[in-house]
Amino acid sequence: MEAFVKTELLDEQAIRRALTRIAHEIVEKNKGIEDIVLVGIKTRGIYLAERLAERIASIEGTLIPVGSIDITLYRDDLQEKTEHPQIEGHLIPVEIKGKKIVLVDDVLYTGRTVRAALDALIDMGRPQMIQLAVLVDRGHRELPIRADYVGKNVPTSQTELIAVHMKELDGEDKVVILERK
């Protein structure tokens, strides 16, 4: 499927500002950072979680734990995606039981990725609560899931795609809307 760039939603500065705002909102909503663990959903969510941790550390003066979660085996469309999935596993540096987990992802769309991440987290233990932070919420939910922290809400059509580019993977930071040809 070919697609072309329709418009740039966020440039590097806008992404930085959105993450700084989300970091402040996380600290404010949780009345500090006690028992908070950031967990990024593979792949781009991991880098966003690390950046959020840096911003929270600059606000609070303390680095909070950051982990990653691979939801591949929890997907409800695994058979459609690939015959041989690449599993990278979970890497969460602390026990999640009783913690406030902030799940981090790049784009919230149907809600299915988040549902899979929730299943994976619950299999690891019973956190006190789970919150969701996303860089972009594009609508079109298929499941009753909403984000607690959103960098940018972007109404999209079904023919559009959101592409998040991050320096760690793509050499640049930006978010674009792609239109399918």
Protein backbone atom coordinates (compact mmCIF):
# COMPACT_ATOMS: atom_id res chain seq x y z
CA MET A 1 0.00 0.00 0.00
CA GLU A 2 1.49 3.30 -1.06
CA ALA A 3 0.95 6.51 0.87
CA PHE A 4 2.08 10.11 0.57
CA VAL A 5 2.66 12.75 3.24
CA LYS A 6 -0.46 14.85 3.51
CA THR A 7 0.66 17.15 6.32
CA GLU A 8 3.13 17.42 9.19
CA LEU A 9 1.32 17.45 12.54
CA LEU A 10 4.20 17.85 14.95
CA ASP A 11 7.79 18.90 14.43
CA GLU A 12 10.64 18.26 16.87
CA GLN A 13 9.80 21.28 19.05
CA ALA A 14 6.09 20.42 19.17
CA ILE A 15 6.88 16.85 20.24
CA ARG A 16 9.20 18.16 22.95
CA ARG A 17 6.53 20.57 24.21
CA ALA A 18 3.84 17.87 24.19
CA LEU A 19 6.04 15.48 26.19
CA THR A 20 6.93 18.22 28.68
CA ARG A 21 3.23 18.97 29.20
CA ILE A 22 2.40 15.28 29.62
CA ALA A 23 5.24 14.92 32.16
CA HIS A 24 3.82 17.82 34.21
CA GLU A 25 0.31 16.33 33.99
CA ILE A 26 1.54 12.93 35.21
CA VAL A 27 3.25 14.51 38.22
CA GLU A 28 0.24 16.71 38.99
CA LYS A 29 -2.43 14.01 38.61
CA ASN A 30 -0.47 11.56 40.78
CA LYS A 31 0.50 14.21 43.36
CA GLY A 32 4.16 13.47 42.79
CA ILE A 33 6.01 10.44 41.48
CA GLU A 34 5.81 7.93 44.32
CA ASP A 35 5.24 4.38 43.03
CA ILE A 36 5.06 5.50 39.39
CA VAL A 37 6.54 3.26 36.69
CA LEU A 38 6.54 4.23 33.01
CA VAL A 39 6.07 1.30 30.63
CA GLY A 40 6.54 1.89 26.92
CA ILE A 41 4.78 -0.30 24.38
CA LYS A 42 7.26 -1.65 21.84
CA THR A 43 8.60 0.06 19.74
CA ARG A 44 8.14 3.83 19.75
CA GLY A 45 6.36 3.86 23.09
CA ILE A 46 9.61 2.77 24.72
CA TYR A 47 11.48 5.85 23.46
CA LEU A 48 8.60 8.12 24.44
CA ALA A 49 8.59 6.60 27.96
CA GLU A 50 12.33 7.23 28.29
CA ARG A 51 11.89 10.84 27.22
CA LEU A 52 9.01 11.31 29.67
CA ALA A 53 11.17 9.89 32.47
CA GLU A 54 13.88 12.45 31.66
CA ARG A 55 11.37 15.31 31.79
CA ILE A 56 9.82 14.06 35.03
CA ALA A 57 13.33 13.81 36.53
CA SER A 58 14.00 17.43 35.57
CA ILE A 59 10.76 18.44 37.31
CA GLU A 60 11.00 16.25 40.42
CA GLY A 61 14.75 15.69 40.70
CA THR A 62 14.32 11.91 40.79
CA LEU A 63 14.52 9.35 38.01
CA ILE A 64 11.54 6.97 37.93
CA PRO A 65 11.68 3.39 36.64
CA VAL A 66 11.08 2.86 32.93
CA GLY A 67 10.21 -0.48 31.40
CA SER A 68 9.12 -1.89 28.08
CA ILE A 69 6.47 -4.34 27.05
CA ASP A 70 6.12 -6.43 23.91
CA ILE A 71 2.45 -7.15 23.21
CA THR A 72 3.01 -9.40 20.18
CA LEU A 73 1.61 -12.57 21.77
CA TYR A 74 -1.36 -10.67 23.22
CA ARG A 75 -2.59 -9.25 19.91
CA ASP A 76 -6.00 -10.39 18.70
CA ASP A 77 -4.78 -10.14 15.10
CA LEU A 78 -1.55 -12.12 15.51
CA GLN A 79 -2.49 -14.69 12.87
CA GLU A 80 -3.23 -11.93 10.35
CA LYS A 81 0.03 -10.05 11.00
CA THR A 82 2.71 -12.69 10.58
CA GLU A 83 3.41 -16.40 10.69
CA HIS A 84 6.63 -15.97 12.70
CA PRO A 85 6.31 -13.07 15.13
CA GLN A 86 9.45 -11.51 16.59
CA ILE A 87 9.10 -11.64 20.37
CA GLU A 88 11.33 -9.35 22.40
CA GLY A 89 9.71 -9.85 25.79
CA HIS A 90 9.13 -7.49 28.65
CA LEU A 91 11.78 -5.54 30.51
CA ILE A 92 10.38 -3.87 33.59
CA PRO A 93 13.05 -3.17 36.22
CA VAL A 94 10.71 -3.32 39.24
CA GLU A 95 7.82 -5.41 40.52
CA ILE A 96 4.59 -3.83 39.22
CA LYS A 97 2.37 -5.11 42.02
CA GLY A 98 0.90 -2.11 43.83
CA LYS A 99 2.54 0.43 41.51
CA LYS A 100 0.98 3.19 39.42
CA ILE A 101 1.76 2.18 35.85
CA VAL A 102 1.73 4.78 33.10
CA LEU A 103 1.51 2.87 29.83
CA VAL A 104 3.08 4.90 26.99
CA ASP A 105 2.41 4.56 23.26
CA ASP A 106 2.86 6.71 20.18
CA VAL A 107 -0.62 6.58 18.57
CA LEU A 108 -3.99 5.60 20.02
CA TYR A 109 -6.30 4.37 17.28
CA THR A 110 -8.68 1.41 17.70
CA GLY A 111 -7.60 0.62 21.26
CA ARG A 112 -6.57 -2.95 20.46
CA THR A 113 -2.86 -2.39 21.11
CA VAL A 114 -3.66 -0.90 24.52
CA ARG A 115 -6.00 -3.79 25.34
CA ALA A 116 -3.19 -6.23 24.53
CA ALA A 117 -0.78 -4.24 26.71
CA LEU A 118 -3.26 -4.28 29.60
CA ASP A 119 -3.53 -8.07 29.32
CA ALA A 120 0.26 -8.40 29.32
CA LEU A 121 0.63 -6.13 32.36
CA ILE A 122 -2.04 -7.94 34.36
CA ASP A 123 -0.27 -11.23 33.62
CA MET A 124 2.83 -9.76 35.33
CA GLY A 125 1.09 -8.67 38.51
CA ARG A 126 -1.65 -6.46 39.87
CA PRO A 127 -0.73 -2.78 39.71
CA GLN A 128 -2.52 -0.24 41.90
CA MET A 129 -3.66 1.54 38.74
CA ILE A 130 -2.85 1.81 35.06
CA GLN A 131 -2.93 5.12 33.23
CA LEU A 132 -2.36 5.71 29.52
CA ALA A 133 -0.21 8.38 27.87
CA VAL A 134 -0.11 8.77 24.08
CA LEU A 135 1.59 11.24 21.79
CA VAL A 136 -1.32 11.25 19.30
CA ASP A 137 -4.97 10.23 19.68
CA ARG A 138 -6.48 9.83 16.22
CA GLY A 139 -9.95 8.55 17.17
CA HIS A 140 -11.83 5.65 15.55
CA ARG A 141 -11.95 3.53 18.72
CA GLU A 142 -13.20 -0.05 18.47
CA LEU A 143 -12.82 -0.65 22.21
CA PRO A 144 -13.85 1.55 25.17
CA ILE A 145 -10.34 2.86 25.88
CA ARG A 146 -9.28 6.46 26.37
CA ALA A 147 -5.97 8.08 27.20
CA ASP A 148 -5.33 9.93 30.46
CA TYR A 149 -2.61 12.04 28.83
CA VAL A 150 -2.63 13.09 25.17
CA GLY A 151 -0.01 15.10 23.31
CA LYS A 152 -2.33 15.94 20.41
CA ASN A 153 -5.87 14.94 19.42
CA VAL A 154 -6.15 14.60 15.65
CA PRO A 155 -9.43 13.66 13.97
CA THR A 156 -8.53 11.48 11.00
CA SER A 157 -10.32 9.64 8.24
CA GLN A 158 -10.03 5.89 7.78
CA THR A 159 -7.89 6.43 4.67
CA GLU A 160 -5.28 8.38 6.61
CA LEU A 161 -2.37 6.98 8.60
CA ILE A 162 -0.35 8.62 11.37
CA ALA A 163 3.41 8.09 11.13
CA VAL A 164 5.56 8.92 14.16
CA HIS A 165 9.24 9.39 13.37
CA MET A 166 11.71 9.33 16.25
CA LYS A 167 15.42 10.14 16.20
CA GLU A 168 16.27 6.84 17.86
CA LEU A 169 14.81 4.86 14.93
CA ASP A 170 14.23 7.24 12.05
CA GLY A 171 16.90 9.90 12.49
CA GLU A 172 14.38 12.72 13.06
CA ASP A 173 11.48 13.68 15.29
CA LYS A 174 8.17 14.43 13.58
CA VAL A 175 4.61 13.22 13.24
CA VAL A 176 2.92 13.22 9.83
CA ILE A 177 -0.43 12.29 8.37
CA LEU A 178 -0.13 9.98 5.39
CA GLU A 179 -2.89 9.58 2.82
CA ARG A 180 -3.29 6.15 1.23
CA LYS A 181 -3.18 6.11 -2.56
